[in-house]
Amino acid sequence: MFKQKTLRAALFAGAALLAFPSAAMAGTETLLWRFGSPGTISDGAIPAGDLIMDSTGAIYGVTLRGGAGSTGTVFKLRVCPKTS
């Protein structure tokens, strides 16, 4: 499971959530989620604001559009470790 010291996440261009491993982790950035485009935004679109990571590694944030009445959503992404 990722911890705050080993994962940096960022929203780019208001459309995608990417994870960047720290120097201690080998690898490259990973696309975690691509937010819907206009017309298909039930799961949220136009993410905004800061992201919050809890002690289990789940990432929380908000979107400005999507959901009921297209008034925005709160999202949670659980980052699971890779299994072999």
N, C-alpha and C. Protein backbone atom coordinates (compact mmCIF):
# COMPACT_ATOMS: atom_id res chain seq x y z
N MET A 1 0.84 -1.17 0.00
CA MET A 1 0.00 0.00 0.00
C MET A 1 0.89 1.24 0.00
N PHE A 2 0.50 2.25 -0.75
CA PHE A 2 1.26 3.49 -0.81
C PHE A 2 1.07 4.29 0.46
N LYS A 3 2.06 4.97 0.89
CA LYS A 3 1.99 5.88 2.04
C LYS A 3 2.29 7.28 1.55
N GLN A 4 1.97 8.28 2.36
CA GLN A 4 2.15 9.67 1.95
C GLN A 4 3.58 9.98 1.55
N LYS A 5 4.56 9.36 2.19
CA LYS A 5 5.95 9.67 1.88
C LYS A 5 6.42 9.02 0.59
N THR A 6 5.65 8.06 0.07
CA THR A 6 6.10 7.36 -1.13
C THR A 6 5.27 7.66 -2.37
N LEU A 7 4.27 8.51 -2.23
CA LEU A 7 3.42 8.80 -3.38
C LEU A 7 3.04 10.26 -3.40
N ARG A 8 3.21 10.88 -4.54
CA ARG A 8 2.71 12.24 -4.75
C ARG A 8 1.68 12.16 -5.84
N ALA A 9 0.53 12.75 -5.63
CA ALA A 9 -0.52 12.71 -6.65
C ALA A 9 -0.85 14.13 -7.06
N ALA A 10 -1.25 14.29 -8.28
CA ALA A 10 -1.57 15.63 -8.78
C ALA A 10 -2.67 15.56 -9.81
N LEU A 11 -3.45 16.62 -9.88
CA LEU A 11 -4.47 16.76 -10.92
C LEU A 11 -3.87 17.58 -12.05
N PHE A 12 -4.03 17.11 -13.28
CA PHE A 12 -3.48 17.82 -14.42
C PHE A 12 -4.56 18.22 -15.39
N ALA A 13 -4.53 19.44 -15.83
CA ALA A 13 -5.44 19.98 -16.84
C ALA A 13 -6.89 19.73 -16.47
N GLY A 14 -7.16 19.59 -15.18
CA GLY A 14 -8.52 19.39 -14.73
C GLY A 14 -9.17 18.13 -15.27
N ALA A 15 -8.37 17.16 -15.70
CA ALA A 15 -8.98 15.99 -16.33
C ALA A 15 -8.41 14.65 -15.89
N ALA A 16 -7.24 14.62 -15.29
CA ALA A 16 -6.65 13.33 -14.94
C ALA A 16 -5.97 13.40 -13.59
N LEU A 17 -5.98 12.29 -12.89
CA LEU A 17 -5.27 12.17 -11.62
C LEU A 17 -4.09 11.25 -11.86
N LEU A 18 -2.89 11.76 -11.62
CA LEU A 18 -1.67 10.99 -11.83
C LEU A 18 -0.96 10.79 -10.51
N ALA A 19 -0.26 9.67 -10.38
CA ALA A 19 0.56 9.41 -9.21
C ALA A 19 2.02 9.40 -9.64
N PHE A 20 2.85 10.04 -8.84
CA PHE A 20 4.28 10.10 -9.11
C PHE A 20 5.02 9.42 -7.97
N PRO A 21 5.77 8.36 -8.24
CA PRO A 21 6.52 7.72 -7.17
C PRO A 21 7.64 8.62 -6.68
N SER A 22 7.99 8.48 -5.42
CA SER A 22 9.09 9.26 -4.87
C SER A 22 10.41 8.67 -5.37
N ALA A 23 11.50 9.33 -5.03
CA ALA A 23 12.82 8.86 -5.45
C ALA A 23 13.11 7.47 -4.90
N ALA A 24 12.49 7.11 -3.77
CA ALA A 24 12.73 5.81 -3.16
C ALA A 24 12.05 4.67 -3.91
N MET A 25 11.11 5.00 -4.78
CA MET A 25 10.38 3.98 -5.53
C MET A 25 10.83 3.99 -6.99
N ALA A 26 11.01 2.82 -7.56
CA ALA A 26 11.35 2.74 -8.97
C ALA A 26 10.07 2.86 -9.78
N GLY A 27 10.13 3.52 -10.91
CA GLY A 27 8.96 3.59 -11.76
C GLY A 27 8.69 4.97 -12.29
N THR A 28 7.60 5.08 -13.00
CA THR A 28 7.20 6.35 -13.60
C THR A 28 5.80 6.70 -13.12
N GLU A 29 5.32 7.85 -13.57
CA GLU A 29 3.98 8.27 -13.18
C GLU A 29 2.94 7.28 -13.71
N THR A 30 1.83 7.20 -13.01
CA THR A 30 0.76 6.27 -13.34
C THR A 30 -0.56 7.02 -13.41
N LEU A 31 -1.32 6.81 -14.47
CA LEU A 31 -2.65 7.39 -14.57
C LEU A 31 -3.57 6.60 -13.65
N LEU A 32 -4.14 7.27 -12.64
CA LEU A 32 -5.05 6.61 -11.71
C LEU A 32 -6.50 6.72 -12.15
N TRP A 33 -6.86 7.84 -12.75
CA TRP A 33 -8.25 8.04 -13.17
C TRP A 33 -8.32 9.16 -14.19
N ARG A 34 -9.18 8.99 -15.18
CA ARG A 34 -9.44 10.05 -16.15
C ARG A 34 -10.89 10.47 -15.94
N PHE A 35 -11.09 11.73 -15.59
CA PHE A 35 -12.42 12.23 -15.31
C PHE A 35 -13.21 12.41 -16.59
N GLY A 36 -14.54 12.27 -16.49
CA GLY A 36 -15.43 12.33 -17.65
C GLY A 36 -15.36 13.65 -18.39
N SER A 37 -15.73 13.58 -19.64
CA SER A 37 -15.81 14.79 -20.45
C SER A 37 -17.26 15.26 -20.47
N PRO A 38 -17.53 16.50 -20.88
CA PRO A 38 -18.91 16.99 -20.91
C PRO A 38 -19.83 16.00 -21.64
N GLY A 39 -20.99 15.78 -21.05
CA GLY A 39 -21.93 14.81 -21.60
C GLY A 39 -21.82 13.44 -20.96
N THR A 40 -20.67 13.14 -20.37
CA THR A 40 -20.46 11.84 -19.71
C THR A 40 -19.81 12.07 -18.35
N ILE A 41 -20.37 12.98 -17.58
CA ILE A 41 -19.69 13.40 -16.35
C ILE A 41 -20.37 12.91 -15.08
N SER A 42 -21.14 11.82 -15.15
CA SER A 42 -21.82 11.35 -13.94
C SER A 42 -20.84 11.03 -12.82
N ASP A 43 -19.63 10.61 -13.16
CA ASP A 43 -18.63 10.29 -12.14
C ASP A 43 -17.75 11.49 -11.77
N GLY A 44 -18.08 12.66 -12.29
CA GLY A 44 -17.32 13.86 -11.94
C GLY A 44 -16.49 14.38 -13.09
N ALA A 45 -16.37 15.69 -13.14
CA ALA A 45 -15.54 16.36 -14.15
C ALA A 45 -15.03 17.65 -13.55
N ILE A 46 -13.96 18.15 -14.07
CA ILE A 46 -13.29 19.37 -13.62
C ILE A 46 -12.89 19.24 -12.15
N PRO A 47 -11.95 18.32 -11.84
CA PRO A 47 -11.47 18.22 -10.46
C PRO A 47 -10.79 19.52 -10.06
N ALA A 48 -10.94 19.89 -8.80
CA ALA A 48 -10.41 21.17 -8.33
C ALA A 48 -9.93 21.03 -6.89
N GLY A 49 -9.07 21.94 -6.49
CA GLY A 49 -8.62 21.98 -5.10
C GLY A 49 -7.54 20.97 -4.79
N ASP A 50 -7.22 20.90 -3.52
CA ASP A 50 -6.17 20.00 -3.05
C ASP A 50 -6.69 18.58 -2.91
N LEU A 51 -5.77 17.63 -2.95
CA LEU A 51 -6.08 16.23 -2.69
C LEU A 51 -5.70 15.91 -1.26
N ILE A 52 -6.41 14.97 -0.66
CA ILE A 52 -6.11 14.54 0.70
C ILE A 52 -5.88 13.03 0.67
N MET A 53 -4.84 12.55 1.35
CA MET A 53 -4.58 11.12 1.45
C MET A 53 -4.75 10.70 2.90
N ASP A 54 -5.54 9.64 3.14
CA ASP A 54 -5.72 9.18 4.51
C ASP A 54 -4.65 8.16 4.87
N SER A 55 -4.71 7.63 6.10
CA SER A 55 -3.67 6.74 6.59
C SER A 55 -3.64 5.40 5.86
N THR A 56 -4.70 5.05 5.14
CA THR A 56 -4.71 3.80 4.37
C THR A 56 -4.21 3.99 2.95
N GLY A 57 -3.95 5.24 2.56
CA GLY A 57 -3.48 5.53 1.21
C GLY A 57 -4.58 5.95 0.25
N ALA A 58 -5.84 6.00 0.71
CA ALA A 58 -6.94 6.44 -0.15
C ALA A 58 -6.79 7.94 -0.41
N ILE A 59 -7.09 8.35 -1.64
CA ILE A 59 -6.98 9.75 -2.05
C ILE A 59 -8.38 10.31 -2.22
N TYR A 60 -8.64 11.49 -1.63
CA TYR A 60 -9.95 12.15 -1.71
C TYR A 60 -9.79 13.50 -2.40
N GLY A 61 -10.84 13.90 -3.11
CA GLY A 61 -10.87 15.21 -3.74
C GLY A 61 -12.29 15.56 -4.16
N VAL A 62 -12.44 16.67 -4.84
CA VAL A 62 -13.75 17.12 -5.30
C VAL A 62 -13.69 17.52 -6.77
N THR A 63 -14.86 17.48 -7.42
CA THR A 63 -14.99 17.98 -8.78
C THR A 63 -16.02 19.09 -8.79
N LEU A 64 -15.92 19.98 -9.77
CA LEU A 64 -16.86 21.09 -9.88
C LEU A 64 -18.13 20.70 -10.63
N ARG A 65 -18.07 19.65 -11.44
CA ARG A 65 -19.22 19.20 -12.24
C ARG A 65 -19.41 17.70 -12.04
N GLY A 66 -20.57 17.23 -12.46
CA GLY A 66 -20.89 15.81 -12.37
C GLY A 66 -21.82 15.53 -11.20
N GLY A 67 -22.24 14.28 -11.09
CA GLY A 67 -23.14 13.90 -10.02
C GLY A 67 -24.55 14.41 -10.24
N ALA A 68 -25.39 14.30 -9.21
CA ALA A 68 -26.79 14.74 -9.29
C ALA A 68 -26.86 16.23 -9.61
N GLY A 69 -27.58 16.58 -10.64
CA GLY A 69 -27.73 17.98 -11.02
C GLY A 69 -26.46 18.61 -11.55
N SER A 70 -25.45 17.82 -11.81
CA SER A 70 -24.15 18.30 -12.29
C SER A 70 -23.58 19.39 -11.40
N THR A 71 -23.75 19.21 -10.07
CA THR A 71 -23.27 20.21 -9.11
C THR A 71 -21.95 19.82 -8.47
N GLY A 72 -21.33 18.75 -8.94
CA GLY A 72 -20.03 18.34 -8.41
C GLY A 72 -20.11 17.05 -7.63
N THR A 73 -18.94 16.47 -7.39
CA THR A 73 -18.85 15.21 -6.65
C THR A 73 -17.68 15.26 -5.68
N VAL A 74 -17.71 14.37 -4.71
CA VAL A 74 -16.56 14.08 -3.86
C VAL A 74 -16.09 12.70 -4.32
N PHE A 75 -14.79 12.54 -4.56
CA PHE A 75 -14.31 11.24 -5.02
C PHE A 75 -13.29 10.66 -4.06
N LYS A 76 -13.21 9.33 -4.11
CA LYS A 76 -12.23 8.59 -3.31
C LYS A 76 -11.60 7.56 -4.24
N LEU A 77 -10.29 7.52 -4.27
CA LEU A 77 -9.56 6.51 -5.03
C LEU A 77 -8.73 5.70 -4.05
N ARG A 78 -8.91 4.39 -4.11
CA ARG A 78 -8.08 3.52 -3.29
C ARG A 78 -6.95 3.01 -4.16
N VAL A 79 -5.74 3.21 -3.73
CA VAL A 79 -4.57 2.77 -4.47
C VAL A 79 -4.14 1.44 -3.89
N CYS A 80 -4.24 0.40 -4.70
CA CYS A 80 -3.90 -0.95 -4.24
C CYS A 80 -2.51 -1.32 -4.71
N PRO A 81 -1.79 -2.07 -3.89
CA PRO A 81 -0.46 -2.51 -4.31
C PRO A 81 -0.56 -3.52 -5.44
N LYS A 82 0.48 -3.58 -6.26
CA LYS A 82 0.52 -4.58 -7.33
C LYS A 82 0.72 -5.96 -6.72
N THR A 83 0.11 -6.96 -7.34
CA THR A 83 0.34 -8.34 -6.91
C THR A 83 0.97 -9.09 -8.06
N SER A 84 1.77 -10.10 -7.74
CA SER A 84 2.43 -10.85 -8.80
C SER A 84 1.61 -12.04 -9.20
